[in-house]
C-alpha atoms as a PDB file:
ATOM      1  CA  UNK A   1       5.810  20.173 -26.331  1.00  0.00           C
ATOM      2  CA  UNK A   2       2.949  17.848 -26.206  1.00  0.00           C
ATOM      3  CA  UNK A   3       3.221  14.948 -23.767  1.00  0.00           C
ATOM      4  CA  UNK A   4       1.127  11.896 -23.484  1.00  0.00           C
ATOM      5  CA  UNK A   5       1.097  10.273 -20.018  1.00  0.00           C
ATOM      6  CA  UNK A   6      -0.418   6.944 -20.439  1.00  0.00           C
ATOM      7  CA  UNK A   7      -1.403   4.042 -18.073  1.00  0.00           C
ATOM      8  CA  UNK A   8      -1.775   6.926 -15.474  1.00  0.00           C
ATOM      9  CA  UNK A   9      -3.255   6.259 -11.856  1.00  0.00           C
ATOM     10  CA  UNK A  10      -5.215   8.994  -9.830  1.00  0.00           C
ATOM     11  CA  UNK A  11      -2.322   9.035  -7.265  1.00  0.00           C
ATOM     12  CA  UNK A  12       0.184  10.138 -10.131  1.00  0.00           C
ATOM     13  CA  UNK A  13      -1.852  13.017 -11.397  1.00  0.00           C
ATOM     14  CA  UNK A  14      -1.051  15.115  -8.575  1.00  0.00           C
ATOM     15  CA  UNK A  15       2.671  14.933  -9.434  1.00  0.00           C
ATOM     16  CA  UNK A  16       2.450  14.967 -13.028  1.00  0.00           C
ATOM     17  CA  UNK A  17      -0.060  17.989 -13.631  1.00  0.00           C
ATOM     18  CA  UNK A  18       2.845  20.240 -12.613  1.00  0.00           C
ATOM     19  CA  UNK A  19       4.327  19.776 -15.829  1.00  0.00           C
ATOM     20  CA  UNK A  20       1.242  21.334 -17.536  1.00  0.00           C
ATOM     21  CA  UNK A  21       2.599  24.757 -16.863  1.00  0.00           C
ATOM     22  CA  UNK A  22       5.191  24.587 -19.607  1.00  0.00           C
ATOM     23  CA  UNK A  23       3.933  21.748 -21.756  1.00  0.00           C
ATOM     24  CA  UNK A  24       0.593  20.351 -23.319  1.00  0.00           C
ATOM     25  CA  UNK A  25      -0.365  17.234 -21.192  1.00  0.00           C
ATOM     26  CA  UNK A  26      -2.683  14.533 -22.501  1.00  0.00           C
ATOM     27  CA  UNK A  27      -3.443  11.838 -19.498  1.00  0.00           C
ATOM     28  CA  UNK A  28      -5.049   8.544 -20.511  1.00  0.00           C
ATOM     29  CA  UNK A  29      -5.682   5.610 -18.051  1.00  0.00           C
ATOM     30  CA  UNK A  30      -5.320   3.060 -20.971  1.00  0.00           C
ATOM     31  CA  UNK A  31      -2.110   1.887 -22.768  1.00  0.00           C
ATOM     32  CA  UNK A  32      -0.956   2.789 -26.060  1.00  0.00           C
ATOM     33  CA  UNK A  33      -1.884   0.085 -28.591  1.00  0.00           C
ATOM     34  CA  UNK A  34      -1.928  -0.303 -32.592  1.00  0.00           C
ATOM     35  CA  UNK A  35      -5.855   0.695 -32.241  1.00  0.00           C
ATOM     36  CA  UNK A  36      -5.581   3.939 -30.421  1.00  0.00           C
ATOM     37  CA  UNK A  37      -1.774   5.076 -31.565  1.00  0.00           C
ATOM     38  CA  UNK A  38      -3.024   7.227 -34.361  1.00  0.00           C
ATOM     39  CA  UNK A  39      -4.954   9.269 -32.086  1.00  0.00           C
ATOM     40  CA  UNK A  40      -1.837  10.385 -30.497  1.00  0.00           C
ATOM     41  CA  UNK A  41       0.172  11.134 -33.813  1.00  0.00           C
ATOM     42  CA  UNK A  42       0.972  14.677 -32.861  1.00  0.00           C
ATOM     43  CA  UNK A  43       2.686  14.086 -29.432  1.00  0.00           C
ATOM     44  CA  UNK A  44       6.405  14.676 -29.061  1.00  0.00           C
ATOM     45  CA  UNK A  45       7.024  12.694 -25.897  1.00  0.00           C
ATOM     46  CA  UNK A  46       5.436   9.557 -24.567  1.00  0.00           C
ATOM     47  CA  UNK A  47       5.687   8.534 -20.861  1.00  0.00           C
ATOM     48  CA  UNK A  48       4.307   5.168 -20.196  1.00  0.00           C
ATOM     49  CA  UNK A  49       4.405   2.468 -17.882  1.00  0.00           C
ATOM     50  CA  UNK A  50       5.044  -1.369 -18.669  1.00  0.00           C
ATOM     51  CA  UNK A  51       1.565  -2.317 -20.398  1.00  0.00           C
ATOM     52  CA  UNK A  52       2.035  -0.231 -23.526  1.00  0.00           C
ATOM     53  CA  UNK A  53       3.620  -2.153 -26.207  1.00  0.00           C
ATOM     54  CA  UNK A  54       5.683   0.464 -28.126  1.00  0.00           C
ATOM     55  CA  UNK A  55       6.822  -1.839 -30.939  1.00  0.00           C
ATOM     56  CA  UNK A  56       7.516  -0.389 -34.492  1.00  0.00           C
ATOM     57  CA  UNK A  57       4.048  -0.929 -35.768  1.00  0.00           C
ATOM     58  CA  UNK A  58       2.612   1.413 -32.902  1.00  0.00           C
ATOM     59  CA  UNK A  59       5.818   4.052 -32.999  1.00  0.00           C
ATOM     60  CA  UNK A  60       5.612   4.614 -36.623  1.00  0.00           C
ATOM     61  CA  UNK A  61       1.993   6.104 -35.843  1.00  0.00           C
ATOM     62  CA  UNK A  62       3.351   8.559 -33.621  1.00  0.00           C
ATOM     63  CA  UNK A  63       4.909  10.800 -36.193  1.00  0.00           C
ATOM     64  CA  UNK A  64       6.309  13.621 -34.261  1.00  0.00           C
ATOM     65  CA  UNK A  65       7.860  11.530 -31.300  1.00  0.00           C
ATOM     66  CA  UNK A  66      11.210  12.555 -30.096  1.00  0.00           C
ATOM     67  CA  UNK A  67      11.353  11.036 -26.620  1.00  0.00           C
ATOM     68  CA  UNK A  68       9.639   8.050 -24.682  1.00  0.00           C
ATOM     69  CA  UNK A  69      10.323   7.972 -21.052  1.00  0.00           C
ATOM     70  CA  UNK A  70       9.179   4.637 -19.221  1.00  0.00           C
ATOM     71  CA  UNK A  71       8.177   4.955 -15.607  1.00  0.00           C
ATOM     72  CA  UNK A  72       9.791   1.551 -14.973  1.00  0.00           C
ATOM     73  CA  UNK A  73      13.352  -0.033 -14.913  1.00  0.00           C
ATOM     74  CA  UNK A  74      12.834  -2.408 -17.794  1.00  0.00           C
ATOM     75  CA  UNK A  75      12.271  -1.204 -21.398  1.00  0.00           C
ATOM     76  CA  UNK A  76      11.372  -4.525 -23.034  1.00  0.00           C
ATOM     77  CA  UNK A  77       8.024  -3.004 -23.943  1.00  0.00           C
ATOM     78  CA  UNK A  78       9.811  -0.484 -26.363  1.00  0.00           C
ATOM     79  CA  UNK A  79      11.370  -1.322 -29.649  1.00  0.00           C
ATOM     80  CA  UNK A  80      14.885   0.314 -28.861  1.00  0.00           C
ATOM     81  CA  UNK A  81      16.195  -0.411 -32.212  1.00  0.00           C
ATOM     82  CA  UNK A  82      13.470   1.253 -33.926  1.00  0.00           C
ATOM     83  CA  UNK A  83      13.935   4.117 -31.733  1.00  0.00           C
ATOM     84  CA  UNK A  84      17.393   4.426 -32.371  1.00  0.00           C
ATOM     85  CA  UNK A  85      16.966   4.275 -36.234  1.00  0.00           C
ATOM     86  CA  UNK A  86      14.317   7.134 -35.874  1.00  0.00           C
ATOM     87  CA  UNK A  87      16.599   9.169 -33.464  1.00  0.00           C
ATOM     88  CA  UNK A  88      13.855   8.902 -30.722  1.00  0.00           C
ATOM     89  CA  UNK A  89      15.542   9.102 -27.264  1.00  0.00           C
ATOM     90  CA  UNK A  90      14.369   6.524 -24.699  1.00  0.00           C
ATOM     91  CA  UNK A  91      14.867   6.538 -20.720  1.00  0.00           C
ATOM     92  CA  UNK A  92      13.852   4.503 -17.978  1.00  0.00           C
ATOM     93  CA  UNK A  93      14.154   4.491 -14.350  1.00  0.00           C
ATOM     94  CA  UNK A  94      17.127   2.251 -13.249  1.00  0.00           C
ATOM     95  CA  UNK A  95      16.555   2.012  -9.703  1.00  0.00           C
ATOM     96  CA  UNK A  96      12.664   1.869  -9.637  1.00  0.00           C
ATOM     97  CA  UNK A  97      11.282   0.147  -6.520  1.00  0.00           C
ATOM     98  CA  UNK A  98      14.703  -1.354  -5.411  1.00  0.00           C
ATOM     99  CA  UNK A  99      14.113  -0.050  -1.750  1.00  0.00           C
ATOM    100  CA  UNK A 100      10.525  -1.115  -1.574  1.00  0.00           C
ATOM    101  CA  UNK A 101      11.150  -4.584  -2.873  1.00  0.00           C
ATOM    102  CA  UNK A 102      14.081  -5.051  -0.548  1.00  0.00           C
ATOM    103  CA  UNK A 103      11.662  -3.892   2.492  1.00  0.00           C
ATOM    104  CA  UNK A 104       9.240  -6.454   1.172  1.00  0.00           C
ATOM    105  CA  UNK A 105      11.749  -9.310   1.327  1.00  0.00           C
ATOM    106  CA  UNK A 106      12.716  -8.545   4.628  1.00  0.00           C
ATOM    107  CA  UNK A 107       9.083  -8.354   5.984  1.00  0.00           C
ATOM    108  CA  UNK A 108       8.396 -11.996   4.214  1.00  0.00           C
ATOM    109  CA  UNK A 109      11.395 -13.041   5.831  1.00  0.00           C
ATOM    110  CA  UNK A 110      10.257 -11.997   9.380  1.00  0.00           C
ATOM    111  CA  UNK A 111       6.686 -13.283   8.629  1.00  0.00           C
ATOM    112  CA  UNK A 112       7.833 -16.678   7.761  1.00  0.00           C
ATOM    113  CA  UNK A 113      10.405 -16.737  10.771  1.00  0.00           C
ATOM    114  CA  UNK A 114       7.583 -15.988  13.224  1.00  0.00           C
ATOM    115  CA  UNK A 115       5.095 -18.202  11.564  1.00  0.00           C
ATOM    116  CA  UNK A 116       2.619 -15.320  10.736  1.00  0.00           C
ATOM    117  CA  UNK A 117       0.889 -17.065   7.620  1.00  0.00           C
ATOM    118  CA  UNK A 118      -0.093 -19.808   9.622  1.00  0.00           C
END
């Protein structure tokens, strides 16, 4: 399968490149848009973050698309109704960042209680 991994950062590549043993991977730093979607018409899977606007006009250019995996909790950047009509499976990461957000909140509470910002 051909997998497009978009919106990638250097620290992610080390982990994602391991998938290349069994699949053809295409890594891009930019997001998928109406302007560049046709360049990836032959991909079977798209792995995106939150900046690619995967609406119907973008998705119709991805002719072989079978699966979208967003590396985020929210999927509001994906036209899920369009995907359902074409049989494209969409997945997300429901608990993405839940621990780090809670830790950050407690760090802010401690900082405020000890007047650290001042």
